[in-house]
Amino acid sequence: MGAYGQPIDSCIDYVYRNLYSRFCVRDIARQLGYNPSYLSSLFKERTGQSLQSFIQEAKLQERGYFYSTPPSP
């Protein structure tokens, strides 16, 4: 089990596996079998960050990495 326990570790895994897809908190909750409000509250309680802001931050970080990585010769 990861640092935050279930289902938070599964949320984090879902976000990173789906960075290039369109999804929202409701999609993650449906996939994991949780109520979106409950999952969001639990995520915030355990991580100190809202699930929505985590999703946005992860996507922005990935875009920043993509644009800052020089192309291979």
C-alpha atoms as a PDB file:
ATOM      1  CA  MET A   1       0.000   0.000   0.000  1.00  0.00           C
ATOM      2  CA  GLY A   2       1.209   3.503  -0.797  1.00  0.00           C
ATOM      3  CA  ALA A   3       1.607   6.592   1.320  1.00  0.00           C
ATOM      4  CA  TYR A   4      -2.075   7.559   1.566  1.00  0.00           C
ATOM      5  CA  GLY A   5      -3.846   4.206   1.603  1.00  0.00           C
ATOM      6  CA  GLN A   6      -6.851   3.145  -0.379  1.00  0.00           C
ATOM      7  CA  PRO A   7      -8.685   4.602  -2.228  1.00  0.00           C
ATOM      8  CA  ILE A   8      -6.389   7.656  -2.438  1.00  0.00           C
ATOM      9  CA  ASP A   9      -3.457   5.746  -3.893  1.00  0.00           C
ATOM     10  CA  SER A  10      -5.820   4.405  -6.550  1.00  0.00           C
ATOM     11  CA  CYS A  11      -6.954   7.968  -7.338  1.00  0.00           C
ATOM     12  CA  ILE A  12      -3.375   9.105  -7.797  1.00  0.00           C
ATOM     13  CA  ASP A  13      -2.626   6.091  -9.981  1.00  0.00           C
ATOM     14  CA  TYR A  14      -5.723   6.782 -12.101  1.00  0.00           C
ATOM     15  CA  VAL A  15      -4.698  10.417 -12.625  1.00  0.00           C
ATOM     16  CA  TYR A  16      -1.190   9.535 -13.778  1.00  0.00           C
ATOM     17  CA  ARG A  17      -2.387   6.700 -16.041  1.00  0.00           C
ATOM     18  CA  ASN A  18      -4.922   8.999 -17.710  1.00  0.00           C
ATOM     19  CA  LEU A  19      -3.051  12.310 -17.981  1.00  0.00           C
ATOM     20  CA  TYR A  20      -3.756  12.592 -21.699  1.00  0.00           C
ATOM     21  CA  SER A  21      -7.461  11.789 -21.397  1.00  0.00           C
ATOM     22  CA  ARG A  22     -10.364  14.006 -20.437  1.00  0.00           C
ATOM     23  CA  PHE A  23     -11.734  13.011 -17.055  1.00  0.00           C
ATOM     24  CA  CYS A  24     -13.077  14.523 -13.868  1.00  0.00           C
ATOM     25  CA  VAL A  25     -13.523  13.594 -10.224  1.00  0.00           C
ATOM     26  CA  ARG A  26     -16.850  11.919 -11.066  1.00  0.00           C
ATOM     27  CA  ASP A  27     -15.093   9.603 -13.551  1.00  0.00           C
ATOM     28  CA  ILE A  28     -12.498   8.544 -10.975  1.00  0.00           C
ATOM     29  CA  ALA A  29     -15.170   7.971  -8.333  1.00  0.00           C
ATOM     30  CA  ARG A  30     -17.243   5.884 -10.747  1.00  0.00           C
ATOM     31  CA  GLN A  31     -14.215   3.802 -11.714  1.00  0.00           C
ATOM     32  CA  LEU A  32     -13.307   3.152  -8.076  1.00  0.00           C
ATOM     33  CA  GLY A  33     -16.879   2.689  -6.868  1.00  0.00           C
ATOM     34  CA  TYR A  34     -17.109   5.722  -4.568  1.00  0.00           C
ATOM     35  CA  ASN A  35     -19.379   8.711  -4.229  1.00  0.00           C
ATOM     36  CA  PRO A  36     -17.598  11.728  -5.806  1.00  0.00           C
ATOM     37  CA  SER A  37     -18.187  13.968  -2.768  1.00  0.00           C
ATOM     38  CA  TYR A  38     -16.914  11.350  -0.356  1.00  0.00           C
ATOM     39  CA  LEU A  39     -13.844  10.632  -2.479  1.00  0.00           C
ATOM     40  CA  SER A  40     -13.047  14.349  -2.813  1.00  0.00           C
ATOM     41  CA  SER A  41     -13.382  14.898   0.935  1.00  0.00           C
ATOM     42  CA  LEU A  42     -11.235  11.885   1.748  1.00  0.00           C
ATOM     43  CA  PHE A  43      -8.580  12.966  -0.765  1.00  0.00           C
ATOM     44  CA  LYS A  44      -8.424  16.452   0.776  1.00  0.00           C
ATOM     45  CA  GLU A  45      -8.319  15.029   4.307  1.00  0.00           C
ATOM     46  CA  ARG A  46      -5.437  12.665   3.570  1.00  0.00           C
ATOM     47  CA  THR A  47      -3.356  14.776   1.184  1.00  0.00           C
ATOM     48  CA  GLY A  48      -4.181  18.365   2.134  1.00  0.00           C
ATOM     49  CA  GLN A  49      -5.022  19.119  -1.498  1.00  0.00           C
ATOM     50  CA  SER A  50      -8.310  18.861  -3.357  1.00  0.00           C
ATOM     51  CA  LEU A  51      -8.591  16.080  -5.905  1.00  0.00           C
ATOM     52  CA  GLN A  52      -9.556  18.569  -8.614  1.00  0.00           C
ATOM     53  CA  SER A  53      -6.467  20.700  -8.003  1.00  0.00           C
ATOM     54  CA  PHE A  54      -4.293  17.563  -7.942  1.00  0.00           C
ATOM     55  CA  ILE A  55      -5.639  16.581 -11.361  1.00  0.00           C
ATOM     56  CA  GLN A  56      -4.971  20.055 -12.779  1.00  0.00           C
ATOM     57  CA  GLU A  57      -1.497  20.242 -11.253  1.00  0.00           C
ATOM     58  CA  ALA A  58      -0.512  16.795 -12.554  1.00  0.00           C
ATOM     59  CA  LYS A  59      -1.643  17.697 -16.076  1.00  0.00           C
ATOM     60  CA  LEU A  60       0.194  21.042 -15.974  1.00  0.00           C
ATOM     61  CA  GLN A  61       3.380  19.413 -14.714  1.00  0.00           C
ATOM     62  CA  GLU A  62       3.237  16.841 -17.491  1.00  0.00           C
ATOM     63  CA  ARG A  63       2.713  19.538 -20.125  1.00  0.00           C
ATOM     64  CA  GLY A  64       5.624  21.509 -18.700  1.00  0.00           C
ATOM     65  CA  TYR A  65       7.847  18.441 -18.879  1.00  0.00           C
ATOM     66  CA  PHE A  66       6.718  17.751 -22.442  1.00  0.00           C
ATOM     67  CA  TYR A  67       7.489  21.296 -23.589  1.00  0.00           C
ATOM     68  CA  SER A  68      10.777  21.570 -21.715  1.00  0.00           C
ATOM     69  CA  THR A  69      12.213  18.288 -23.004  1.00  0.00           C
ATOM     70  CA  PRO A  70      14.282  18.824 -26.149  1.00  0.00           C
ATOM     71  CA  PRO A  71      13.534  16.539 -29.090  1.00  0.00           C
ATOM     72  CA  SER A  72      15.801  13.558 -29.608  1.00  0.00           C
ATOM     73  CA  PRO A  73      18.243  13.876 -32.505  1.00  0.00           C
END
